[in-house]
């Protein structure tokens, strides 16, 4: 029976709000009362209530089974591809409602928000009307709580609505872009372009002008093969480095007809770059193509085939509801980017983040032209658009992978700007690593054989994907059969349980069992008892272990050999195609060849790793064995190999084929007492490996750090005293009135501090959020923090770098201790090769500089950077900008300064500053 139409001012539904400050209930008649957690839980269990962000409310109440009418789900249905900060204040702003003054006003606001969203569905100018009625029918069958409430407000269309996959536009092929012209950019032309981008009447910054002129050097014609122009450019915060390099990049793209790639490490900078690029390029060219394209790895984009499978029964329960809401979003998305794009980051956390990942191509299983949605694929659209773009905004990992094994050599980047260049080493370290682990081996097995019995979904094995090839080509069919038979040696479901019971199955599981036994036997770190993962060197191994490794390597070779034969047969089929092989079939076989080469390379790397065991150490690599654990629960076991210097393969794969490369960052070099450490920066750029001497540039920040910031080193918070640490954080947040970014080096301490102080702060109107505690993704946590000047945020490494929160919302950064490098086998090897303690100090100073960089983001910003470490080494103080007062003091003294803020007129700062 349909629910009667509701008035748009309010909805007569009960509402619930819970925070660290308390819980409030609103009855259907509109009266609000404070409630205990028990009363709130009983009310919600009895009747569905209006709530905002159910997982967060459930955490606050300690009631994981909480369900109800979540306003965020309704918002995602009514306004797909639109973001709102998932807090009462954020929702009120998104819907143009009065902001609630306190927790008691939130339930009433939730009722008004529901009414506003329902009224939107009745509006003639509802932008997202198309497809809503059909989606609602599917959601009704899934018993989505909002379906009955929505039904009277979503009118049935006069004509039947098209299915999502019919509405999505198709991409069009275009001819290859000709090679770029060889052009020289004069400094006058670059500065003229910079002036156009900054705008008439804008302040001329000499640092930015010099930086832009130097950035133009990488676009000069290359003088020698395999010798690119390389520029290392350090640019302090406030220089305006984005427009500084976009000025010569846009000018070169216009004059040469070529493509510039700008690579970042964080999604936040990608969004910023997309916005800044609008100054240089229009959104569309006259022919409708995009001159600026954002590219990410395949695992970031919605896979339409996975979505179709989910919509047709592949997902069940709450995950099926998520699939319907994602389908609503897909119809209105700009580019289909699910991770950091226009899909609200909180949508996945309302359901299961794993369900979001299941809708992307996580395992490289794409069947390319064999997919019925190939011509509408978001990934293929972005790939083709980037081939015609003037500017491609990507991330470090994608640039490296694309250079190493891109499908199209013509699309490999040759002019690259690595923004956030201090992270290139880390990205290369991950990209060129090898890891033979149980999880990785299982994924390979599934790629070859398909899903195990009883598994739902569309996943198919190699034989099913290439059935027509097997039936046509006898040798190709035999290679597929041989690969499938050999893949039986790889681990299967339940492998960790079998290893724990000492009953491994197959050569790879027997090797992993030996890895586990050796790691447990040798552990001296204390991590075993603490519940953390353990590791040990791949050295001094017994003969039995080496024999198992050799047998495992043979098993891997028996998989790799038929895959190589299959690749040869596919190549022969393309050279002499059968009559039935059409254009789509060719594209599918090309895609299969690409996927095969990827797996063949992986297997070869695993065999090389195993082949070294028992022999002399290779000085280029660091090898170790590990057991990955979380809260004492094992989730992966394996062998690992990393380059001692990952910039060596980076230089060969990325630098050598390029014509011009720029690495830029505010913290590109280590700050020593006598100035920037350029020799180390050059060594970590990869340039020495190809015998190129890079040009160097250093643009000093125009900010007056000396009068806008203070570094306070608190000397009376005892290390290891959690009660004192939590108390210090609480008192600092209270003194600052919020606006505190707390950085931790250990998740356990973060959780302990949050648990001790969150309720206390909330009662004073100071919300506290935390990574690894609140069920909210990191990007959304930062959005919440930025939106509320009284909120504070606790986090780990992900918040130390790449977080851009200018203004009053961030006025104090607190580090719980010196960010020492985590001791590991890999770190020990690099430390020994890099100068011992000097190597550690360089890492720490870099982390301190990055963390300090979160504090001052504009000329008007000011604040304190606090380290709760009584034994902060003086040799690390050069990490901070010259002139910034560094004061060692007690917590009480620090609180007085935090409460007073930073005053430009405070002449006592320099007098009190002491090391």
Foldseek 3Di string as FASTA:
>chain_A
DADDDAALQFALFKAWDAFLQFIWIAHSVGDIDTDHLVVRVVVQVVAAHEYFLQQQRCLRSVHRVGDHRYLVLLCLLQPFLADFQRDQQRLCVVLVHDRDPAPRCSRRSSRNSVSSSLVLLQDPPRPLLAPSVVLLVLVVVQVDVCSSVNVVRHDDDPDDGDALLVLFDFDDFDDFQDFWDADADDLVQLVVLLDLLQDPPDDDDPLLSVLLSVLLVQSHFFDDALFAAEEEEAAAFASPVLSSNVSSLLVRCVRTVDAEEEAEADLLVVVVSVVSCCSRDPCADPVGAGQEFEDEDQLQFFDVQLLVLLCVPLDHRPLNSLSSSVSSNVSVFPQRGNPSGSGHQCSCLSGPVVSVSSRTPPLLLDLALVDPSNRSGSNVNRVSSSSNHSYYYYHLLCLLCCLVQNLDPSNRAFHYEYEVLLCNQVSLQVNPKAWDKLVVLQSVLCQAQNDDPPRGDDTHHPCVSCVVLVVVPVLLVVLSVQLNVLSVQHDDPPLVVCLVVVNHDHLSSVLLSVLVVVQVVPDDPCCLVVFFKTKDFLPPDDPVNLVSLVVVLVSLVSNLVSLVSNLVSLVVCLVVPDPPQDPSNNRSSSSVSSVSVVVSVNSVVSSVLSVCRPHDDDLQKGKMWMFGGDNNHTDMTTIIIGGLQSLLVVSVRPSSNHRGYYYYYNPLFFQAPVGGPVVVSQVNNSSVNSPHDHHYHYRDNPAPQLQFEAEEEAAPQDPPPLVSLLVLVQLLLVLQLAQEEEEELDPVSVVSSCVVPQSVLVSVVQHEEEPPSRSGDPVSVLVVLLVDLRYYYYYYDVVLADRARDDSSHAEYEYAAQNFDDDDSSVVSSCVVPPHVVVRLRVSLSSVLSNVSNQHNDNPTHHYYYYHYNCDDPRSVSSDDPNHAYAYDHSVVVSVDSNVTRGSPPPCRVVRRDD
